[in-house]
């Protein structure tokens, strides 16, 4: 299971390197507060930063929406920081008194931790210098996905956890692992997407949860030794709310296969499918009557050696 990955988030590079166009309409909808969009969508900072510079037309609209979200988040963080600072001061007064309490000690510990967390989030909002973590996505995060429409490669924002069309929202909770699609189940669970709605994400590194020798979970980072970006095969779907109360949801799942030997040696049992560049168009424009041709793309996938290290 690819529980996290570092994506190529700069749409300009995706446009240039893959001959795609960007769906301004879909990216605009992502950050707009229409149709129940009360919560800020989870997006990697790098993807937000790519649009913060703005531009003409739709790009300016997206930049304005992001600025509004940033201002609202900053206000909320500053209010919470003030609240926790007051909580800390109250706790320290009690601890310095003749009758310190266990509650005051707990409040001191929790407030101190929260203050550091809030300051870190504020610093991230203000920071312009990119860091590796800015590119990471997790289940529930949105990422730029390359698909094909009428033979044209198009980039659209999609949530990393697929909710197939026609399924109720509870499906996300009932099947929390639908951010990955196992190759051996593509013609079963994923039969309505496999051969019909294919996508591609560009990834630099991926991360897996692996049990260590001590029995504890550890996060392992994998990266191709050749440094080439991975072209990860995906399935996607457009979910439409039958009640019309919520906007359409575009979501995707990364396809995984049996593990590469070096990945298995570390203790993980799956590896994302990294297709060859010459197969991009065939993958993005599938023939549902010829699923074997799609399986052949997987059989001819790239096999870079995946170096690993324990993630910080």
C-alpha atoms as a PDB file:
ATOM      1  CA  UNK A   1       0.000   0.000   0.000  1.00  0.00           C
ATOM      2  CA  UNK A   2       1.440   3.397  -0.982  1.00  0.00           C
ATOM      3  CA  UNK A   3       0.230   5.370   2.000  1.00  0.00           C
ATOM      4  CA  UNK A   4       2.159   8.520   1.053  1.00  0.00           C
ATOM      5  CA  UNK A   5       4.141   9.926  -1.868  1.00  0.00           C
ATOM      6  CA  UNK A   6       6.019  13.023  -2.950  1.00  0.00           C
ATOM      7  CA  UNK A   7       4.339  14.266  -6.101  1.00  0.00           C
ATOM      8  CA  UNK A   8       5.281  16.608  -8.899  1.00  0.00           C
ATOM      9  CA  UNK A   9       2.977  19.444  -7.867  1.00  0.00           C
ATOM     10  CA  UNK A  10       4.043  22.305 -10.149  1.00  0.00           C
ATOM     11  CA  UNK A  11       1.484  22.330 -12.926  1.00  0.00           C
ATOM     12  CA  UNK A  12       3.859  24.326 -15.145  1.00  0.00           C
ATOM     13  CA  UNK A  13       6.360  21.463 -15.177  1.00  0.00           C
ATOM     14  CA  UNK A  14       3.606  18.939 -15.826  1.00  0.00           C
ATOM     15  CA  UNK A  15       2.342  21.007 -18.740  1.00  0.00           C
ATOM     16  CA  UNK A  16       5.829  21.346 -20.173  1.00  0.00           C
ATOM     17  CA  UNK A  17       7.059  17.786 -19.608  1.00  0.00           C
ATOM     18  CA  UNK A  18       3.916  15.875 -20.551  1.00  0.00           C
ATOM     19  CA  UNK A  19       2.244  18.025 -23.187  1.00  0.00           C
ATOM     20  CA  UNK A  20      -0.849  18.433 -21.059  1.00  0.00           C
ATOM     21  CA  UNK A  21      -3.265  21.278 -20.533  1.00  0.00           C
ATOM     22  CA  UNK A  22      -4.658  22.290 -17.169  1.00  0.00           C
ATOM     23  CA  UNK A  23      -8.328  22.202 -16.289  1.00  0.00           C
ATOM     24  CA  UNK A  24      -8.654  25.704 -14.836  1.00  0.00           C
ATOM     25  CA  UNK A  25     -12.322  24.996 -14.151  1.00  0.00           C
ATOM     26  CA  UNK A  26     -11.650  21.940 -11.962  1.00  0.00           C
ATOM     27  CA  UNK A  27      -8.802  23.608 -10.068  1.00  0.00           C
ATOM     28  CA  UNK A  28     -10.985  26.647  -9.437  1.00  0.00           C
ATOM     29  CA  UNK A  29     -13.801  24.468  -8.090  1.00  0.00           C
ATOM     30  CA  UNK A  30     -11.393  22.772  -5.698  1.00  0.00           C
ATOM     31  CA  UNK A  31     -10.852  25.924  -3.619  1.00  0.00           C
ATOM     32  CA  UNK A  32     -14.213  27.624  -4.121  1.00  0.00           C
ATOM     33  CA  UNK A  33     -16.617  27.564  -1.160  1.00  0.00           C
ATOM     34  CA  UNK A  34     -19.630  26.645  -3.240  1.00  0.00           C
ATOM     35  CA  UNK A  35     -21.789  23.528  -2.811  1.00  0.00           C
ATOM     36  CA  UNK A  36     -20.898  22.854   0.802  1.00  0.00           C
ATOM     37  CA  UNK A  37     -17.211  23.697   0.522  1.00  0.00           C
ATOM     38  CA  UNK A  38     -16.952  24.882   4.125  1.00  0.00           C
ATOM     39  CA  UNK A  39     -13.668  23.131   4.900  1.00  0.00           C
ATOM     40  CA  UNK A  40     -10.407  23.838   3.172  1.00  0.00           C
ATOM     41  CA  UNK A  41      -9.508  20.884   0.942  1.00  0.00           C
ATOM     42  CA  UNK A  42      -6.381  18.970   1.929  1.00  0.00           C
ATOM     43  CA  UNK A  43      -3.721  19.867  -0.603  1.00  0.00           C
ATOM     44  CA  UNK A  44       0.083  19.653  -0.450  1.00  0.00           C
ATOM     45  CA  UNK A  45       1.655  23.054   0.145  1.00  0.00           C
ATOM     46  CA  UNK A  46       3.667  22.727  -3.068  1.00  0.00           C
ATOM     47  CA  UNK A  47       0.475  22.504  -5.120  1.00  0.00           C
ATOM     48  CA  UNK A  48      -0.930  25.594  -3.424  1.00  0.00           C
ATOM     49  CA  UNK A  49       2.346  27.465  -3.945  1.00  0.00           C
ATOM     50  CA  UNK A  50       2.260  26.689  -7.671  1.00  0.00           C
ATOM     51  CA  UNK A  51      -0.960  28.730  -7.922  1.00  0.00           C
ATOM     52  CA  UNK A  52      -0.242  31.452  -5.357  1.00  0.00           C
ATOM     53  CA  UNK A  53       1.768  33.412  -7.926  1.00  0.00           C
ATOM     54  CA  UNK A  54      -1.454  33.937  -9.826  1.00  0.00           C
ATOM     55  CA  UNK A  55      -1.622  35.032 -13.449  1.00  0.00           C
ATOM     56  CA  UNK A  56      -4.387  35.943 -15.831  1.00  0.00           C
ATOM     57  CA  UNK A  57      -8.017  34.892 -15.830  1.00  0.00           C
ATOM     58  CA  UNK A  58      -8.686  31.695 -13.908  1.00  0.00           C
ATOM     59  CA  UNK A  59      -5.218  31.659 -12.349  1.00  0.00           C
ATOM     60  CA  UNK A  60      -5.931  35.001 -10.678  1.00  0.00           C
ATOM     61  CA  UNK A  61      -9.207  33.620  -9.312  1.00  0.00           C
ATOM     62  CA  UNK A  62      -7.427  30.591  -7.856  1.00  0.00           C
ATOM     63  CA  UNK A  63      -4.730  32.780  -6.286  1.00  0.00           C
ATOM     64  CA  UNK A  64      -7.436  34.951  -4.699  1.00  0.00           C
ATOM     65  CA  UNK A  65      -9.248  31.924  -3.287  1.00  0.00           C
ATOM     66  CA  UNK A  66      -5.997  30.614  -1.813  1.00  0.00           C
ATOM     67  CA  UNK A  67      -5.237  34.000  -0.265  1.00  0.00           C
ATOM     68  CA  UNK A  68      -8.670  33.979   1.378  1.00  0.00           C
ATOM     69  CA  UNK A  69      -8.132  30.487   2.803  1.00  0.00           C
ATOM     70  CA  UNK A  70      -4.653  31.494   4.036  1.00  0.00           C
ATOM     71  CA  UNK A  71      -6.017  34.586   5.795  1.00  0.00           C
ATOM     72  CA  UNK A  72      -8.783  32.583   7.457  1.00  0.00           C
ATOM     73  CA  UNK A  73      -6.340  29.877   8.580  1.00  0.00           C
ATOM     74  CA  UNK A  74      -3.930  32.476   9.942  1.00  0.00           C
ATOM     75  CA  UNK A  75      -6.667  34.155  11.944  1.00  0.00           C
ATOM     76  CA  UNK A  76      -7.764  30.835  13.411  1.00  0.00           C
ATOM     77  CA  UNK A  77      -4.200  29.858  14.298  1.00  0.00           C
ATOM     78  CA  UNK A  78      -3.495  33.192  15.979  1.00  0.00           C
ATOM     79  CA  UNK A  79      -6.671  32.879  18.040  1.00  0.00           C
ATOM     80  CA  UNK A  80      -5.749  29.360  19.094  1.00  0.00           C
ATOM     81  CA  UNK A  81      -2.195  30.471  19.898  1.00  0.00           C
ATOM     82  CA  UNK A  82      -3.551  33.186  22.210  1.00  0.00           C
ATOM     83  CA  UNK A  83      -5.862  30.658  23.876  1.00  0.00           C
ATOM     84  CA  UNK A  84      -3.045  28.175  24.521  1.00  0.00           C
ATOM     85  CA  UNK A  85      -0.656  30.893  25.718  1.00  0.00           C
ATOM     86  CA  UNK A  86      -3.245  31.956  28.285  1.00  0.00           C
ATOM     87  CA  UNK A  87      -3.764  28.323  29.292  1.00  0.00           C
ATOM     88  CA  UNK A  88      -0.015  27.913  29.758  1.00  0.00           C
ATOM     89  CA  UNK A  89       0.280  31.099  31.831  1.00  0.00           C
ATOM     90  CA  UNK A  90      -2.605  30.023  34.080  1.00  0.00           C
ATOM     91  CA  UNK A  91      -1.063  26.591  34.580  1.00  0.00           C
ATOM     92  CA  UNK A  92       2.343  28.003  35.428  1.00  0.00           C
ATOM     93  CA  UNK A  93       0.834  30.359  38.020  1.00  0.00           C
ATOM     94  CA  UNK A  94      -0.812  27.406  39.742  1.00  0.00           C
ATOM     95  CA  UNK A  95       2.375  25.343  39.596  1.00  0.00           C
ATOM     96  CA  UNK A  96       4.329  28.201  41.129  1.00  0.00           C
ATOM     97  CA  UNK A  97       1.815  28.565  43.964  1.00  0.00           C
ATOM     98  CA  UNK A  98       1.787  26.796  47.291  1.00  0.00           C
ATOM     99  CA  UNK A  99      -0.786  24.299  45.959  1.00  0.00           C
ATOM    100  CA  UNK A 100       0.287  23.001  42.538  1.00  0.00           C
ATOM    101  CA  UNK A 101      -2.184  20.576  40.951  1.00  0.00           C
ATOM    102  CA  UNK A 102      -1.994  17.619  38.618  1.00  0.00           C
ATOM    103  CA  UNK A 103      -4.402  19.412  36.261  1.00  0.00           C
ATOM    104  CA  UNK A 104      -2.070  22.392  36.035  1.00  0.00           C
ATOM    105  CA  UNK A 105       0.840  20.124  35.161  1.00  0.00           C
ATOM    106  CA  UNK A 106      -1.248  18.478  32.444  1.00  0.00           C
ATOM    107  CA  UNK A 107      -2.367  21.837  31.080  1.00  0.00           C
ATOM    108  CA  UNK A 108       1.229  23.042  31.031  1.00  0.00           C
ATOM    109  CA  UNK A 109       2.363  19.999  29.054  1.00  0.00           C
ATOM    110  CA  UNK A 110      -0.504  20.095  26.547  1.00  0.00           C
ATOM    111  CA  UNK A 111      -0.378  23.868  26.040  1.00  0.00           C
ATOM    112  CA  UNK A 112       3.385  23.818  25.487  1.00  0.00           C
ATOM    113  CA  UNK A 113       3.041  21.102  22.843  1.00  0.00           C
ATOM    114  CA  UNK A 114       0.157  22.845  21.097  1.00  0.00           C
ATOM    115  CA  UNK A 115       1.943  26.193  21.056  1.00  0.00           C
ATOM    116  CA  UNK A 116       4.904  24.638  19.272  1.00  0.00           C
ATOM    117  CA  UNK A 117       2.589  22.939  16.777  1.00  0.00           C
ATOM    118  CA  UNK A 118       0.673  26.135  16.065  1.00  0.00           C
ATOM    119  CA  UNK A 119       3.863  28.142  15.619  1.00  0.00           C
ATOM    120  CA  UNK A 120       5.054  25.525  13.138  1.00  0.00           C
ATOM    121  CA  UNK A 121       1.819  25.779  11.143  1.00  0.00           C
ATOM    122  CA  UNK A 122       2.030  29.566  11.109  1.00  0.00           C
ATOM    123  CA  UNK A 123       5.641  29.370   9.919  1.00  0.00           C
ATOM    124  CA  UNK A 124       4.584  27.000   7.125  1.00  0.00           C
ATOM    125  CA  UNK A 125       1.879  29.408   5.973  1.00  0.00           C
ATOM    126  CA  UNK A 126       4.397  32.242   5.823  1.00  0.00           C
ATOM    127  CA  UNK A 127       7.296  30.247   4.408  1.00  0.00           C
ATOM    128  CA  UNK A 128       8.197  30.642   0.731  1.00  0.00           C
ATOM    129  CA  UNK A 129      11.243  28.374   0.605  1.00  0.00           C
ATOM    130  CA  UNK A 130      10.105  24.852  -0.390  1.00  0.00           C
ATOM    131  CA  UNK A 131      10.783  21.751   1.694  1.00  0.00           C
ATOM    132  CA  UNK A 132      10.437  18.086   0.783  1.00  0.00           C
ATOM    133  CA  UNK A 133       7.379  17.647   2.984  1.00  0.00           C
ATOM    134  CA  UNK A 134       5.535  20.276   0.936  1.00  0.00           C
ATOM    135  CA  UNK A 135       5.169  17.736  -1.875  1.00  0.00           C
ATOM    136  CA  UNK A 136       3.766  14.859   0.142  1.00  0.00           C
ATOM    137  CA  UNK A 137       0.249  13.570  -0.219  1.00  0.00           C
ATOM    138  CA  UNK A 138      -1.627  11.214   2.076  1.00  0.00           C
ATOM    139  CA  UNK A 139      -5.035   9.553   1.711  1.00  0.00           C
ATOM    140  CA  UNK A 140      -7.608  12.330   1.564  1.00  0.00           C
ATOM    141  CA  UNK A 141      -5.216  14.830  -0.020  1.00  0.00           C
ATOM    142  CA  UNK A 142      -5.671  16.235  -3.508  1.00  0.00           C
ATOM    143  CA  UNK A 143      -3.036  15.851  -6.213  1.00  0.00           C
ATOM    144  CA  UNK A 144      -2.715  16.817  -9.899  1.00  0.00           C
ATOM    145  CA  UNK A 145      -3.658  13.791 -12.002  1.00  0.00           C
ATOM    146  CA  UNK A 146      -3.046  13.485 -15.748  1.00  0.00           C
ATOM    147  CA  UNK A 147      -5.946  11.990 -17.696  1.00  0.00           C
ATOM    148  CA  UNK A 148      -6.996  12.003 -21.349  1.00  0.00           C
ATOM    149  CA  UNK A 149     -10.056  13.765 -22.765  1.00  0.00           C
ATOM    150  CA  UNK A 150     -10.654  13.414 -26.481  1.00  0.00           C
ATOM    151  CA  UNK A 151      -7.023  12.415 -26.982  1.00  0.00           C
ATOM    152  CA  UNK A 152      -5.715  15.507 -25.138  1.00  0.00           C
ATOM    153  CA  UNK A 153      -3.771  15.091 -21.897  1.00  0.00           C
ATOM    154  CA  UNK A 154      -5.456  17.116 -19.174  1.00  0.00           C
ATOM    155  CA  UNK A 155      -4.417  17.788 -15.567  1.00  0.00           C
ATOM    156  CA  UNK A 156      -7.146  17.785 -12.929  1.00  0.00           C
ATOM    157  CA  UNK A 157      -7.064  17.863  -9.117  1.00  0.00           C
ATOM    158  CA  UNK A 158      -8.275  14.608  -7.571  1.00  0.00           C
ATOM    159  CA  UNK A 159      -8.528  13.257  -4.060  1.00  0.00           C
ATOM    160  CA  UNK A 160      -6.188  10.427  -3.158  1.00  0.00           C
ATOM    161  CA  UNK A 161      -8.843   7.916  -2.104  1.00  0.00           C
ATOM    162  CA  UNK A 162     -11.243   6.817  -4.772  1.00  0.00           C
ATOM    163  CA  UNK A 163     -14.988   6.946  -4.252  1.00  0.00           C
ATOM    164  CA  UNK A 164     -16.474   5.198  -7.286  1.00  0.00           C
ATOM    165  CA  UNK A 165     -19.422   6.820  -9.010  1.00  0.00           C
ATOM    166  CA  UNK A 166     -22.760   5.793  -7.557  1.00  0.00           C
ATOM    167  CA  UNK A 167     -21.408   4.865  -4.122  1.00  0.00           C
ATOM    168  CA  UNK A 168     -22.576   6.684  -0.955  1.00  0.00           C
ATOM    169  CA  UNK A 169     -20.170   8.939   1.000  1.00  0.00           C
ATOM    170  CA  UNK A 170     -20.042   6.307   3.781  1.00  0.00           C
ATOM    171  CA  UNK A 171     -18.055   4.263   1.272  1.00  0.00           C
ATOM    172  CA  UNK A 172     -14.963   6.298   2.258  1.00  0.00           C
ATOM    173  CA  UNK A 173     -15.216   4.997   5.814  1.00  0.00           C
ATOM    174  CA  UNK A 174     -16.362   1.502   4.928  1.00  0.00           C
ATOM    175  CA  UNK A 175     -13.445   1.013   2.508  1.00  0.00           C
ATOM    176  CA  UNK A 176     -10.624   3.228   3.833  1.00  0.00           C
ATOM    177  CA  UNK A 177      -8.019   1.453   1.710  1.00  0.00           C
ATOM    178  CA  UNK A 178      -9.422   2.619  -1.620  1.00  0.00           C
ATOM    179  CA  UNK A 179      -6.455   4.913  -2.202  1.00  0.00           C
ATOM    180  CA  UNK A 180      -4.761   1.800  -3.641  1.00  0.00           C
ATOM    181  CA  UNK A 181      -6.053  -0.584  -6.282  1.00  0.00           C
ATOM    182  CA  UNK A 182      -4.482  -4.038  -6.258  1.00  0.00           C
ATOM    183  CA  UNK A 183      -3.580  -5.339  -9.693  1.00  0.00           C
ATOM    184  CA  UNK A 184      -5.058  -8.745  -8.874  1.00  0.00           C
ATOM    185  CA  UNK A 185      -8.428  -7.128  -8.177  1.00  0.00           C
ATOM    186  CA  UNK A 186      -8.706  -4.739 -11.129  1.00  0.00           C
ATOM    187  CA  UNK A 187     -11.250  -6.922 -12.909  1.00  0.00           C
ATOM    188  CA  UNK A 188     -13.161  -7.481  -9.680  1.00  0.00           C
ATOM    189  CA  UNK A 189     -13.553  -4.598  -7.245  1.00  0.00           C
ATOM    190  CA  UNK A 190     -12.290  -2.052  -9.785  1.00  0.00           C
ATOM    191  CA  UNK A 191     -14.012  -3.408 -12.904  1.00  0.00           C
ATOM    192  CA  UNK A 192     -16.023  -0.207 -13.495  1.00  0.00           C
ATOM    193  CA  UNK A 193     -12.813   1.875 -13.650  1.00  0.00           C
ATOM    194  CA  UNK A 194     -10.261  -0.530 -15.141  1.00  0.00           C
ATOM    195  CA  UNK A 195     -10.380  -0.165 -18.904  1.00  0.00           C
ATOM    196  CA  UNK A 196     -12.394   3.056 -18.681  1.00  0.00           C
ATOM    197  CA  UNK A 197     -11.032   5.840 -16.442  1.00  0.00           C
ATOM    198  CA  UNK A 198      -7.244   5.809 -16.222  1.00  0.00           C
ATOM    199  CA  UNK A 199      -4.897   8.428 -14.833  1.00  0.00           C
ATOM    200  CA  UNK A 200      -1.263   9.068 -14.069  1.00  0.00           C
ATOM    201  CA  UNK A 201       0.543  10.848 -11.237  1.00  0.00           C
ATOM    202  CA  UNK A 202       4.198  11.822 -11.316  1.00  0.00           C
ATOM    203  CA  UNK A 203       6.016  10.805  -8.134  1.00  0.00           C
ATOM    204  CA  UNK A 204       9.553  11.327  -6.879  1.00  0.00           C
ATOM    205  CA  UNK A 205       9.423   9.162  -3.747  1.00  0.00           C
ATOM    206  CA  UNK A 206       6.899   6.942  -2.016  1.00  0.00           C
ATOM    207  CA  UNK A 207       6.523   5.954   1.622  1.00  0.00           C
ATOM    208  CA  UNK A 208       5.341   2.771   3.290  1.00  0.00           C
ATOM    209  CA  UNK A 209       4.541   1.683   6.824  1.00  0.00           C
ATOM    210  CA  UNK A 210       6.762  -1.281   7.670  1.00  0.00           C
ATOM    211  CA  UNK A 211       7.052  -3.253  10.880  1.00  0.00           C
ATOM    212  CA  UNK A 212      10.572  -3.056  12.265  1.00  0.00           C
ATOM    213  CA  UNK A 213      12.589  -5.803  14.014  1.00  0.00           C
ATOM    214  CA  UNK A 214      11.273  -4.515  17.340  1.00  0.00           C
ATOM    215  CA  UNK A 215       7.676  -5.011  16.202  1.00  0.00           C
ATOM    216  CA  UNK A 216       7.046  -1.274  16.012  1.00  0.00           C
ATOM    217  CA  UNK A 217       5.861   0.560  12.917  1.00  0.00           C
ATOM    218  CA  UNK A 218       8.370   2.648  10.987  1.00  0.00           C
ATOM    219  CA  UNK A 219       7.963   4.777   7.871  1.00  0.00           C
ATOM    220  CA  UNK A 220      10.307   3.817   5.047  1.00  0.00           C
ATOM    221  CA  UNK A 221      11.060   6.116   2.113  1.00  0.00           C
ATOM    222  CA  UNK A 222      11.694   4.565  -1.310  1.00  0.00           C
ATOM    223  CA  UNK A 223      13.268   6.374  -4.244  1.00  0.00           C
ATOM    224  CA  UNK A 224      14.473   5.158  -7.674  1.00  0.00           C
ATOM    225  CA  UNK A 225      18.263   4.992  -7.723  1.00  0.00           C
ATOM    226  CA  UNK A 226      18.300   6.557 -11.205  1.00  0.00           C
ATOM    227  CA  UNK A 227      16.519   9.669  -9.889  1.00  0.00           C
ATOM    228  CA  UNK A 228      13.894   9.479 -12.641  1.00  0.00           C
ATOM    229  CA  UNK A 229      10.329  10.489 -11.698  1.00  0.00           C
ATOM    230  CA  UNK A 230       7.920   7.578 -11.428  1.00  0.00           C
ATOM    231  CA  UNK A 231       4.876   7.486 -13.690  1.00  0.00           C
ATOM    232  CA  UNK A 232       2.329   5.845 -11.432  1.00  0.00           C
ATOM    233  CA  UNK A 233      -0.684   4.188 -13.058  1.00  0.00           C
ATOM    234  CA  UNK A 234      -3.997   5.177 -11.438  1.00  0.00           C
ATOM    235  CA  UNK A 235      -7.729   4.627 -11.716  1.00  0.00           C
ATOM    236  CA  UNK A 236     -10.153   7.488 -11.121  1.00  0.00           C
ATOM    237  CA  UNK A 237     -13.846   8.288 -10.904  1.00  0.00           C
ATOM    238  CA  UNK A 238     -16.183  11.274 -10.874  1.00  0.00           C
ATOM    239  CA  UNK A 239     -18.717  11.037  -8.065  1.00  0.00           C
ATOM    240  CA  UNK A 240     -21.872  13.132  -8.305  1.00  0.00           C
ATOM    241  CA  UNK A 241     -24.104  13.830  -5.331  1.00  0.00           C
ATOM    242  CA  UNK A 242     -27.634  12.684  -6.293  1.00  0.00           C
ATOM    243  CA  UNK A 243     -29.095  15.317  -3.952  1.00  0.00           C
ATOM    244  CA  UNK A 244     -27.126  18.102  -5.641  1.00  0.00           C
ATOM    245  CA  UNK A 245     -26.033  19.515  -2.280  1.00  0.00           C
ATOM    246  CA  UNK A 246     -22.332  18.911  -2.843  1.00  0.00           C
ATOM    247  CA  UNK A 247     -19.962  19.501  -5.712  1.00  0.00           C
ATOM    248  CA  UNK A 248     -18.705  16.622  -7.814  1.00  0.00           C
ATOM    249  CA  UNK A 249     -15.812  14.681  -6.336  1.00  0.00           C
ATOM    250  CA  UNK A 250     -12.897  13.624  -8.530  1.00  0.00           C
ATOM    251  CA  UNK A 251     -10.866  10.929  -6.797  1.00  0.00           C
ATOM    252  CA  UNK A 252      -8.243   8.334  -7.667  1.00  0.00           C
ATOM    253  CA  UNK A 253      -6.394   5.247  -6.515  1.00  0.00           C
ATOM    254  CA  UNK A 254      -2.807   4.234  -7.315  1.00  0.00           C
ATOM    255  CA  UNK A 255      -2.406   0.735  -8.717  1.00  0.00           C
ATOM    256  CA  UNK A 256      -0.077  -1.608  -6.849  1.00  0.00           C
ATOM    257  CA  UNK A 257       1.522  -4.899  -7.828  1.00  0.00           C
ATOM    258  CA  UNK A 258       3.620  -7.600  -6.209  1.00  0.00           C
ATOM    259  CA  UNK A 259       6.632  -6.001  -4.483  1.00  0.00           C
ATOM    260  CA  UNK A 260       9.943  -5.394  -6.167  1.00  0.00           C
ATOM    261  CA  UNK A 261      12.611  -7.628  -4.528  1.00  0.00           C
ATOM    262  CA  UNK A 262      14.335  -4.763  -2.731  1.00  0.00           C
ATOM    263  CA  UNK A 263      10.974  -3.515  -1.404  1.00  0.00           C
ATOM    264  CA  UNK A 264      10.032  -6.994  -0.195  1.00  0.00           C
ATOM    265  CA  UNK A 265      13.428  -7.310   1.504  1.00  0.00           C
ATOM    266  CA  UNK A 266      12.595  -4.282   3.642  1.00  0.00           C
ATOM    267  CA  UNK A 267       9.341  -5.935   4.708  1.00  0.00           C
ATOM    268  CA  UNK A 268       6.647  -4.458   2.469  1.00  0.00           C
ATOM    269  CA  UNK A 269       4.334  -6.528   0.264  1.00  0.00           C
ATOM    270  CA  UNK A 270       3.278  -4.104  -2.511  1.00  0.00           C
ATOM    271  CA  UNK A 271       4.880  -1.673  -4.978  1.00  0.00           C
ATOM    272  CA  UNK A 272       3.228   1.003  -7.111  1.00  0.00           C
ATOM    273  CA  UNK A 273       3.247   0.363 -10.872  1.00  0.00           C
ATOM    274  CA  UNK A 274       5.751   2.631 -12.585  1.00  0.00           C
ATOM    275  CA  UNK A 275       4.921   2.556 -16.304  1.00  0.00           C
ATOM    276  CA  UNK A 276       7.266   3.382 -19.163  1.00  0.00           C
ATOM    277  CA  UNK A 277       6.876   6.766 -20.922  1.00  0.00           C
ATOM    278  CA  UNK A 278       6.139   5.085 -24.248  1.00  0.00           C
ATOM    279  CA  UNK A 279       3.001   3.528 -22.745  1.00  0.00           C
ATOM    280  CA  UNK A 280       1.440   6.742 -21.432  1.00  0.00           C
ATOM    281  CA  UNK A 281      -1.031   7.287 -24.267  1.00  0.00           C
ATOM    282  CA  UNK A 282      -2.045   3.626 -24.406  1.00  0.00           C
ATOM    283  CA  UNK A 283      -2.661   3.683 -20.670  1.00  0.00           C
ATOM    284  CA  UNK A 284      -4.605   6.950 -20.668  1.00  0.00           C
ATOM    285  CA  UNK A 285      -6.756   5.909 -23.644  1.00  0.00           C
ATOM    286  CA  UNK A 286      -7.741   2.333 -22.768  1.00  0.00           C
ATOM    287  CA  UNK A 287      -9.790  -0.098 -24.827  1.00  0.00           C
ATOM    288  CA  UNK A 288     -12.165  -1.898 -22.440  1.00  0.00           C
ATOM    289  CA  UNK A 289     -12.440  -4.702 -24.978  1.00  0.00           C
ATOM    290  CA  UNK A 290      -8.713  -5.376 -24.731  1.00  0.00           C
ATOM    291  CA  UNK A 291      -7.794  -5.561 -21.060  1.00  0.00           C
ATOM    292  CA  UNK A 292      -4.898  -7.866 -21.863  1.00  0.00           C
ATOM    293  CA  UNK A 293      -3.131  -4.998 -23.622  1.00  0.00           C
ATOM    294  CA  UNK A 294      -3.363  -3.029 -20.364  1.00  0.00           C
ATOM    295  CA  UNK A 295      -1.969  -5.940 -18.380  1.00  0.00           C
ATOM    296  CA  UNK A 296       0.896  -6.049 -20.878  1.00  0.00           C
ATOM    297  CA  UNK A 297       1.744  -2.447 -19.969  1.00  0.00           C
ATOM    298  CA  UNK A 298       2.088  -3.578 -16.354  1.00  0.00           C
ATOM    299  CA  UNK A 299       4.245  -6.546 -17.366  1.00  0.00           C
ATOM    300  CA  UNK A 300       6.543  -4.114 -19.198  1.00  0.00           C
ATOM    301  CA  UNK A 301       6.737  -1.649 -16.295  1.00  0.00           C
ATOM    302  CA  UNK A 302       9.973   0.039 -15.234  1.00  0.00           C
ATOM    303  CA  UNK A 303      12.117  -1.692 -12.635  1.00  0.00           C
ATOM    304  CA  UNK A 304      14.469   0.907 -11.185  1.00  0.00           C
ATOM    305  CA  UNK A 305      16.216  -0.175  -8.021  1.00  0.00           C
ATOM    306  CA  UNK A 306      14.283   1.420  -5.172  1.00  0.00           C
ATOM    307  CA  UNK A 307      16.724   2.682  -2.584  1.00  0.00           C
ATOM    308  CA  UNK A 308      15.306   3.065   0.880  1.00  0.00           C
ATOM    309  CA  UNK A 309      15.907   4.777   4.174  1.00  0.00           C
ATOM    310  CA  UNK A 310      13.958   5.298   7.367  1.00  0.00           C
ATOM    311  CA  UNK A 311      11.965   8.498   6.971  1.00  0.00           C
ATOM    312  CA  UNK A 312      12.363  11.242   9.547  1.00  0.00           C
END
